[in-house]
Amino acid sequence: MSASNGLTIGELEAKYFLYRKALKQLLLEGRSTAGIEKTLCWSRLETLHNCLPRQYKSPDHIRHQLVREIEQERAAAAGA
């Protein structure tokens, strides 16, 4: 099964955590939602979700998870 730009789903799956990490970095940098939605990591996460929706959440869902995670990390750092 082929995905975007000649990558297979297996190749996308293998790099899932890298795409997620890149998305978190963009959020930490304070990038806008519109800007993030134009990135390669967003596109790849979207492809994974569209091809395997039961296994991979939408990029928007992942973004919300990461925002909560970042807020928790910042709160823990402020409390320490």
PDB file of N, CA and C in Angstrom:
ATOM      1  N   MET A   1       0.843  -1.181   0.000  1.00  0.00           N
ATOM      2  CA  MET A   1       0.000   0.000   0.000  1.00  0.00           C
ATOM      3  C   MET A   1       0.890   1.247   0.000  1.00  0.00           C
ATOM      4  N   SER A   2       0.661   2.171  -0.874  1.00  0.00           N
ATOM      5  CA  SER A   2       1.477   3.375  -0.992  1.00  0.00           C
ATOM      6  C   SER A   2       0.815   4.550  -0.301  1.00  0.00           C
ATOM      7  N   ALA A   3       1.640   5.466   0.150  1.00  0.00           N
ATOM      8  CA  ALA A   3       1.150   6.681   0.789  1.00  0.00           C
ATOM      9  C   ALA A   3       1.743   7.882   0.057  1.00  0.00           C
ATOM     10  N   SER A   4       1.879   8.985   0.781  1.00  0.00           N
ATOM     11  CA  SER A   4       2.342  10.220   0.165  1.00  0.00           C
ATOM     12  C   SER A   4       3.798  10.133  -0.269  1.00  0.00           C
ATOM     13  N   ASN A   5       4.087  10.713  -1.421  1.00  0.00           N
ATOM     14  CA  ASN A   5       5.442  10.835  -1.958  1.00  0.00           C
ATOM     15  C   ASN A   5       6.208   9.524  -2.026  1.00  0.00           C
ATOM     16  N   GLY A   6       5.530   8.441  -2.370  1.00  0.00           N
ATOM     17  CA  GLY A   6       6.202   7.171  -2.570  1.00  0.00           C
ATOM     18  C   GLY A   6       6.555   6.420  -1.298  1.00  0.00           C
ATOM     19  N   LEU A   7       6.174   6.921  -0.150  1.00  0.00           N
ATOM     20  CA  LEU A   7       6.440   6.219   1.102  1.00  0.00           C
ATOM     21  C   LEU A   7       5.364   5.162   1.327  1.00  0.00           C
ATOM     22  N   THR A   8       5.766   4.050   1.877  1.00  0.00           N
ATOM     23  CA  THR A   8       4.782   3.018   2.206  1.00  0.00           C
ATOM     24  C   THR A   8       4.197   3.311   3.583  1.00  0.00           C
ATOM     25  N   ILE A   9       3.074   2.703   3.873  1.00  0.00           N
ATOM     26  CA  ILE A   9       2.468   2.859   5.188  1.00  0.00           C
ATOM     27  C   ILE A   9       3.429   2.351   6.259  1.00  0.00           C
ATOM     28  N   GLY A  10       4.125   1.270   5.977  1.00  0.00           N
ATOM     29  CA  GLY A  10       5.105   0.742   6.928  1.00  0.00           C
ATOM     30  C   GLY A  10       6.187   1.747   7.260  1.00  0.00           C
ATOM     31  N   GLU A  11       6.652   2.470   6.257  1.00  0.00           N
ATOM     32  CA  GLU A  11       7.678   3.493   6.486  1.00  0.00           C
ATOM     33  C   GLU A  11       7.121   4.648   7.317  1.00  0.00           C
ATOM     34  N   LEU A  12       5.875   5.020   7.041  1.00  0.00           N
ATOM     35  CA  LEU A  12       5.239   6.072   7.829  1.00  0.00           C
ATOM     36  C   LEU A  12       5.047   5.620   9.273  1.00  0.00           C
ATOM     37  N   GLU A  13       4.609   4.374   9.438  1.00  0.00           N
ATOM     38  CA  GLU A  13       4.406   3.842  10.787  1.00  0.00           C
ATOM     39  C   GLU A  13       5.718   3.808  11.570  1.00  0.00           C
ATOM     40  N   ALA A  14       6.794   3.444  10.901  1.00  0.00           N
ATOM     41  CA  ALA A  14       8.092   3.360  11.562  1.00  0.00           C
ATOM     42  C   ALA A  14       8.557   4.721  12.072  1.00  0.00           C
ATOM     43  N   LYS A  15       8.108   5.779  11.431  1.00  0.00           N
ATOM     44  CA  LYS A  15       8.532   7.130  11.814  1.00  0.00           C
ATOM     45  C   LYS A  15       7.461   7.905  12.573  1.00  0.00           C
ATOM     46  N   TYR A  16       6.405   7.221  12.978  1.00  0.00           N
ATOM     47  CA  TYR A  16       5.291   7.874  13.679  1.00  0.00           C
ATOM     48  C   TYR A  16       5.780   8.706  14.859  1.00  0.00           C
ATOM     49  N   PHE A  17       6.631   8.120  15.697  1.00  0.00           N
ATOM     50  CA  PHE A  17       7.069   8.842  16.892  1.00  0.00           C
ATOM     51  C   PHE A  17       7.942  10.043  16.546  1.00  0.00           C
ATOM     52  N   LEU A  18       8.644   9.992  15.434  1.00  0.00           N
ATOM     53  CA  LEU A  18       9.411  11.158  14.990  1.00  0.00           C
ATOM     54  C   LEU A  18       8.479  12.286  14.551  1.00  0.00           C
ATOM     55  N   TYR A  19       7.395  11.934  13.845  1.00  0.00           N
ATOM     56  CA  TYR A  19       6.427  12.951  13.418  1.00  0.00           C
ATOM     57  C   TYR A  19       5.743  13.575  14.628  1.00  0.00           C
ATOM     58  N   ARG A  20       5.440  12.731  15.609  1.00  0.00           N
ATOM     59  CA  ARG A  20       4.807  13.211  16.838  1.00  0.00           C
ATOM     60  C   ARG A  20       5.773  14.130  17.602  1.00  0.00           C
ATOM     61  N   LYS A  21       7.029  13.751  17.657  1.00  0.00           N
ATOM     62  CA  LYS A  21       8.045  14.559  18.337  1.00  0.00           C
ATOM     63  C   LYS A  21       8.221  15.907  17.624  1.00  0.00           C
ATOM     64  N   ALA A  22       8.218  15.879  16.297  1.00  0.00           N
ATOM     65  CA  ALA A  22       8.345  17.115  15.516  1.00  0.00           C
ATOM     66  C   ALA A  22       7.157  18.032  15.783  1.00  0.00           C
ATOM     67  N   LEU A  23       5.960  17.451  15.869  1.00  0.00           N
ATOM     68  CA  LEU A  23       4.765  18.242  16.152  1.00  0.00           C
ATOM     69  C   LEU A  23       4.881  18.880  17.535  1.00  0.00           C
ATOM     70  N   LYS A  24       5.367  18.134  18.505  1.00  0.00           N
ATOM     71  CA  LYS A  24       5.534  18.686  19.856  1.00  0.00           C
ATOM     72  C   LYS A  24       6.531  19.835  19.836  1.00  0.00           C
ATOM     73  N   GLN A  25       7.618  19.689  19.083  1.00  0.00           N
ATOM     74  CA  GLN A  25       8.615  20.747  18.994  1.00  0.00           C
ATOM     75  C   GLN A  25       8.016  22.014  18.385  1.00  0.00           C
ATOM     76  N   LEU A  26       7.199  21.850  17.365  1.00  0.00           N
ATOM     77  CA  LEU A  26       6.543  23.013  16.748  1.00  0.00           C
ATOM     78  C   LEU A  26       5.637  23.718  17.750  1.00  0.00           C
ATOM     79  N   LEU A  27       4.941  22.936  18.570  1.00  0.00           N
ATOM     80  CA  LEU A  27       4.070  23.516  19.592  1.00  0.00           C
ATOM     81  C   LEU A  27       4.896  24.246  20.651  1.00  0.00           C
ATOM     82  N   LEU A  28       6.016  23.654  21.045  1.00  0.00           N
ATOM     83  CA  LEU A  28       6.890  24.296  22.023  1.00  0.00           C
ATOM     84  C   LEU A  28       7.452  25.611  21.495  1.00  0.00           C
ATOM     85  N   GLU A  29       7.667  25.681  20.190  1.00  0.00           N
ATOM     86  CA  GLU A  29       8.172  26.907  19.567  1.00  0.00           C
ATOM     87  C   GLU A  29       7.093  27.976  19.445  1.00  0.00           C
ATOM     88  N   GLY A  30       5.841  27.595  19.699  1.00  0.00           N
ATOM     89  CA  GLY A  30       4.746  28.557  19.631  1.00  0.00           C
ATOM     90  C   GLY A  30       4.221  28.809  18.231  1.00  0.00           C
ATOM     91  N   ARG A  31       4.441  27.869  17.350  1.00  0.00           N
ATOM     92  CA  ARG A  31       3.951  28.028  15.970  1.00  0.00           C
ATOM     93  C   ARG A  31       2.430  28.085  15.943  1.00  0.00           C
ATOM     94  N   SER A  32       1.881  28.781  14.962  1.00  0.00           N
ATOM     95  CA  SER A  32       0.428  28.884  14.823  1.00  0.00           C
ATOM     96  C   SER A  32      -0.142  27.571  14.299  1.00  0.00           C
ATOM     97  N   THR A  33      -1.418  27.355  14.582  1.00  0.00           N
ATOM     98  CA  THR A  33      -2.091  26.148  14.099  1.00  0.00           C
ATOM     99  C   THR A  33      -2.043  26.084  12.581  1.00  0.00           C
ATOM    100  N   ALA A  34      -2.303  27.225  11.934  1.00  0.00           N
ATOM    101  CA  ALA A  34      -2.278  27.259  10.468  1.00  0.00           C
ATOM    102  C   ALA A  34      -0.893  26.906   9.941  1.00  0.00           C
ATOM    103  N   GLY A  35       0.133  27.398  10.594  1.00  0.00           N
ATOM    104  CA  GLY A  35       1.503  27.093  10.180  1.00  0.00           C
ATOM    105  C   GLY A  35       1.842  25.627  10.378  1.00  0.00           C
ATOM    106  N   ILE A  36       1.408  25.069  11.495  1.00  0.00           N
ATOM    107  CA  ILE A  36       1.673  23.667  11.792  1.00  0.00           C
ATOM    108  C   ILE A  36       0.981  22.758  10.778  1.00  0.00           C
ATOM    109  N   GLU A  37      -0.232  23.124  10.389  1.00  0.00           N
ATOM    110  CA  GLU A  37      -1.005  22.299   9.450  1.00  0.00           C
ATOM    111  C   GLU A  37      -0.376  22.244   8.053  1.00  0.00           C
ATOM    112  N   LYS A  38       0.598  23.101   7.787  1.00  0.00           N
ATOM    113  CA  LYS A  38       1.287  23.106   6.492  1.00  0.00           C
ATOM    114  C   LYS A  38       2.584  22.302   6.506  1.00  0.00           C
ATOM    115  N   THR A  39       2.912  21.700   7.651  1.00  0.00           N
ATOM    116  CA  THR A  39       4.194  21.007   7.780  1.00  0.00           C
ATOM    117  C   THR A  39       4.135  19.569   7.286  1.00  0.00           C
ATOM    118  N   LEU A  40       5.313  19.033   7.046  1.00  0.00           N
ATOM    119  CA  LEU A  40       5.443  17.650   6.603  1.00  0.00           C
ATOM    120  C   LEU A  40       4.970  16.680   7.683  1.00  0.00           C
ATOM    121  N   CYS A  41       5.311  16.949   8.938  1.00  0.00           N
ATOM    122  CA  CYS A  41       4.900  16.022   9.994  1.00  0.00           C
ATOM    123  C   CYS A  41       3.382  15.960  10.095  1.00  0.00           C
ATOM    124  N   TRP A  42       2.708  17.091   9.952  1.00  0.00           N
ATOM    125  CA  TRP A  42       1.239  17.106   9.987  1.00  0.00           C
ATOM    126  C   TRP A  42       0.680  16.274   8.828  1.00  0.00           C
ATOM    127  N   SER A  43       1.237  16.463   7.654  1.00  0.00           N
ATOM    128  CA  SER A  43       0.795  15.730   6.470  1.00  0.00           C
ATOM    129  C   SER A  43       0.962  14.222   6.649  1.00  0.00           C
ATOM    130  N   ARG A  44       2.093  13.824   7.194  1.00  0.00           N
ATOM    131  CA  ARG A  44       2.358  12.396   7.383  1.00  0.00           C
ATOM    132  C   ARG A  44       1.434  11.800   8.453  1.00  0.00           C
ATOM    133  N   LEU A  45       1.194  12.554   9.531  1.00  0.00           N
ATOM    134  CA  LEU A  45       0.265  12.079  10.563  1.00  0.00           C
ATOM    135  C   LEU A  45      -1.150  11.976  10.004  1.00  0.00           C
ATOM    136  N   GLU A  46      -1.503  12.907   9.147  1.00  0.00           N
ATOM    137  CA  GLU A  46      -2.816  12.888   8.506  1.00  0.00           C
ATOM    138  C   GLU A  46      -2.951  11.676   7.582  1.00  0.00           C
ATOM    139  N   THR A  47      -1.914  11.363   6.844  1.00  0.00           N
ATOM    140  CA  THR A  47      -1.919  10.193   5.962  1.00  0.00           C
ATOM    141  C   THR A  47      -2.093   8.919   6.771  1.00  0.00           C
ATOM    142  N   LEU A  48      -1.357   8.800   7.860  1.00  0.00           N
ATOM    143  CA  LEU A  48      -1.494   7.618   8.708  1.00  0.00           C
ATOM    144  C   LEU A  48      -2.918   7.491   9.240  1.00  0.00           C
ATOM    145  N   HIS A  49      -3.472   8.590   9.691  1.00  0.00           N
ATOM    146  CA  HIS A  49      -4.843   8.562  10.222  1.00  0.00           C
ATOM    147  C   HIS A  49      -5.850   8.187   9.137  1.00  0.00           C
ATOM    148  N   ASN A  50      -5.680   8.743   7.951  1.00  0.00           N
ATOM    149  CA  ASN A  50      -6.617   8.450   6.862  1.00  0.00           C
ATOM    150  C   ASN A  50      -6.532   7.003   6.408  1.00  0.00           C
ATOM    151  N   CYS A  51      -5.335   6.436   6.419  1.00  0.00           N
ATOM    152  CA  CYS A  51      -5.152   5.051   5.981  1.00  0.00           C
ATOM    153  C   CYS A  51      -5.495   4.039   7.072  1.00  0.00           C
ATOM    154  N   LEU A  52      -5.185   4.382   8.311  1.00  0.00           N
ATOM    155  CA  LEU A  52      -5.388   3.461   9.439  1.00  0.00           C
ATOM    156  C   LEU A  52      -6.046   4.199  10.612  1.00  0.00           C
ATOM    157  N   PRO A  53      -7.294   4.632  10.442  1.00  0.00           N
ATOM    158  CA  PRO A  53      -7.931   5.465  11.476  1.00  0.00           C
ATOM    159  C   PRO A  53      -8.138   4.765  12.816  1.00  0.00           C
ATOM    160  N   ARG A  54      -8.197   3.460  12.827  1.00  0.00           N
ATOM    161  CA  ARG A  54      -8.360   2.753  14.104  1.00  0.00           C
ATOM    162  C   ARG A  54      -7.066   2.701  14.899  1.00  0.00           C
ATOM    163  N   GLN A  55      -5.950   2.803  14.208  1.00  0.00           N
ATOM    164  CA  GLN A  55      -4.646   2.723  14.870  1.00  0.00           C
ATOM    165  C   GLN A  55      -4.057   4.085  15.192  1.00  0.00           C
ATOM    166  N   TYR A  56      -4.358   5.089  14.367  1.00  0.00           N
ATOM    167  CA  TYR A  56      -3.735   6.402  14.525  1.00  0.00           C
ATOM    168  C   TYR A  56      -4.802   7.485  14.623  1.00  0.00           C
ATOM    169  N   LYS A  57      -4.689   8.294  15.675  1.00  0.00           N
ATOM    170  CA  LYS A  57      -5.605   9.418  15.874  1.00  0.00           C
ATOM    171  C   LYS A  57      -5.308  10.506  14.847  1.00  0.00           C
ATOM    172  N   SER A  58      -6.262  11.399  14.678  1.00  0.00           N
ATOM    173  CA  SER A  58      -6.068  12.520  13.752  1.00  0.00           C
ATOM    174  C   SER A  58      -4.978  13.445  14.284  1.00  0.00           C
ATOM    175  N   PRO A  59      -4.300  14.155  13.385  1.00  0.00           N
ATOM    176  CA  PRO A  59      -3.264  15.087  13.835  1.00  0.00           C
ATOM    177  C   PRO A  59      -3.813  16.136  14.804  1.00  0.00           C
ATOM    178  N   ASP A  60      -5.066  16.543  14.599  1.00  0.00           N
ATOM    179  CA  ASP A  60      -5.672  17.531  15.484  1.00  0.00           C
ATOM    180  C   ASP A  60      -5.823  16.951  16.894  1.00  0.00           C
ATOM    181  N   HIS A  61      -6.224  15.699  16.981  1.00  0.00           N
ATOM    182  CA  HIS A  61      -6.345  15.032  18.277  1.00  0.00           C
ATOM    183  C   HIS A  61      -4.972  14.927  18.942  1.00  0.00           C
ATOM    184  N   ILE A  62      -3.974  14.556  18.177  1.00  0.00           N
ATOM    185  CA  ILE A  62      -2.608  14.444  18.703  1.00  0.00           C
ATOM    186  C   ILE A  62      -2.126  15.808  19.185  1.00  0.00           C
ATOM    187  N   ARG A  63      -2.445  16.856  18.424  1.00  0.00           N
ATOM    188  CA  ARG A  63      -2.044  18.210  18.806  1.00  0.00           C
ATOM    189  C   ARG A  63      -2.645  18.574  20.162  1.00  0.00           C
ATOM    190  N   HIS A  64      -3.915  18.268  20.356  1.00  0.00           N
ATOM    191  CA  HIS A  64      -4.564  18.561  21.637  1.00  0.00           C
ATOM    192  C   HIS A  64      -3.922  17.767  22.781  1.00  0.00           C
ATOM    193  N   GLN A  65      -3.585  16.502  22.522  1.00  0.00           N
ATOM    194  CA  GLN A  65      -2.903  15.685  23.534  1.00  0.00           C
ATOM    195  C   GLN A  65      -1.561  16.305  23.918  1.00  0.00           C
ATOM    196  N   LEU A  66      -0.826  16.723  22.903  1.00  0.00           N
ATOM    197  CA  LEU A  66       0.498  17.291  23.146  1.00  0.00           C
ATOM    198  C   LEU A  66       0.418  18.627  23.884  1.00  0.00           C
ATOM    199  N   VAL A  67      -0.581  19.431  23.575  1.00  0.00           N
ATOM    200  CA  VAL A  67      -0.765  20.702  24.281  1.00  0.00           C
ATOM    201  C   VAL A  67      -1.007  20.428  25.768  1.00  0.00           C
ATOM    202  N   ARG A  68      -1.865  19.452  26.060  1.00  0.00           N
ATOM    203  CA  ARG A  68      -2.108  19.082  27.471  1.00  0.00           C
ATOM    204  C   ARG A  68      -0.827  18.574  28.130  1.00  0.00           C
ATOM    205  N   GLU A  69      -0.075  17.756  27.397  1.00  0.00           N
ATOM    206  CA  GLU A  69       1.182  17.215  27.916  1.00  0.00           C
ATOM    207  C   GLU A  69       2.176  18.334  28.228  1.00  0.00           C
ATOM    208  N   ILE A  70       2.286  19.288  27.334  1.00  0.00           N
ATOM    209  CA  ILE A  70       3.194  20.430  27.533  1.00  0.00           C
ATOM    210  C   ILE A  70       2.759  21.245  28.741  1.00  0.00           C
ATOM    211  N   GLU A  71       1.456  21.479  28.875  1.00  0.00           N
ATOM    212  CA  GLU A  71       0.945  22.234  30.019  1.00  0.00           C
ATOM    213  C   GLU A  71       1.251  21.512  31.331  1.00  0.00           C
ATOM    214  N   GLN A  72       1.104  20.191  31.349  1.00  0.00           N
ATOM    215  CA  GLN A  72       1.401  19.407  32.552  1.00  0.00           C
ATOM    216  C   GLN A  72       2.898  19.474  32.881  1.00  0.00           C
ATOM    217  N   GLU A  73       3.745  19.381  31.856  1.00  0.00           N
ATOM    218  CA  GLU A  73       5.189  19.465  32.077  1.00  0.00           C
ATOM    219  C   GLU A  73       5.580  20.828  32.636  1.00  0.00           C
ATOM    220  N   ARG A  74       4.971  21.870  32.104  1.00  0.00           N
ATOM    221  CA  ARG A  74       5.282  23.224  32.583  1.00  0.00           C
ATOM    222  C   ARG A  74       4.789  23.424  34.017  1.00  0.00           C
ATOM    223  N   ALA A  75       3.618  22.890  34.328  1.00  0.00           N
ATOM    224  CA  ALA A  75       3.082  23.003  35.684  1.00  0.00           C
ATOM    225  C   ALA A  75       3.960  22.241  36.678  1.00  0.00           C
ATOM    226  N   ALA A  76       4.426  21.071  36.277  1.00  0.00           N
ATOM    227  CA  ALA A  76       5.301  20.274  37.143  1.00  0.00           C
ATOM    228  C   ALA A  76       6.631  20.996  37.362  1.00  0.00           C
ATOM    229  N   ALA A  77       7.146  21.615  36.313  1.00  0.00           N
ATOM    230  CA  ALA A  77       8.426  22.335  36.427  1.00  0.00           C
ATOM    231  C   ALA A  77       8.257  23.581  37.320  1.00  0.00           C
ATOM    232  N   ALA A  78       7.110  24.216  37.226  1.00  0.00           N
ATOM    233  CA  ALA A  78       6.865  25.412  38.033  1.00  0.00           C
ATOM    234  C   ALA A  78       6.679  25.045  39.507  1.00  0.00           C
ATOM    235  N   GLY A  79       6.130  23.862  39.752  1.00  0.00           N
ATOM    236  CA  GLY A  79       5.898  23.427  41.121  1.00  0.00           C
ATOM    237  C   GLY A  79       7.122  22.842  41.783  1.00  0.00           C
ATOM    238  N   ALA A  80       8.117  22.509  40.997  1.00  0.00           N
ATOM    239  CA  ALA A  80       9.315  21.861  41.575  1.00  0.00           C
ATOM    240  C   ALA A  80      10.297  22.832  42.153  1.00  0.00           C
TER     241      ALA A  80
END
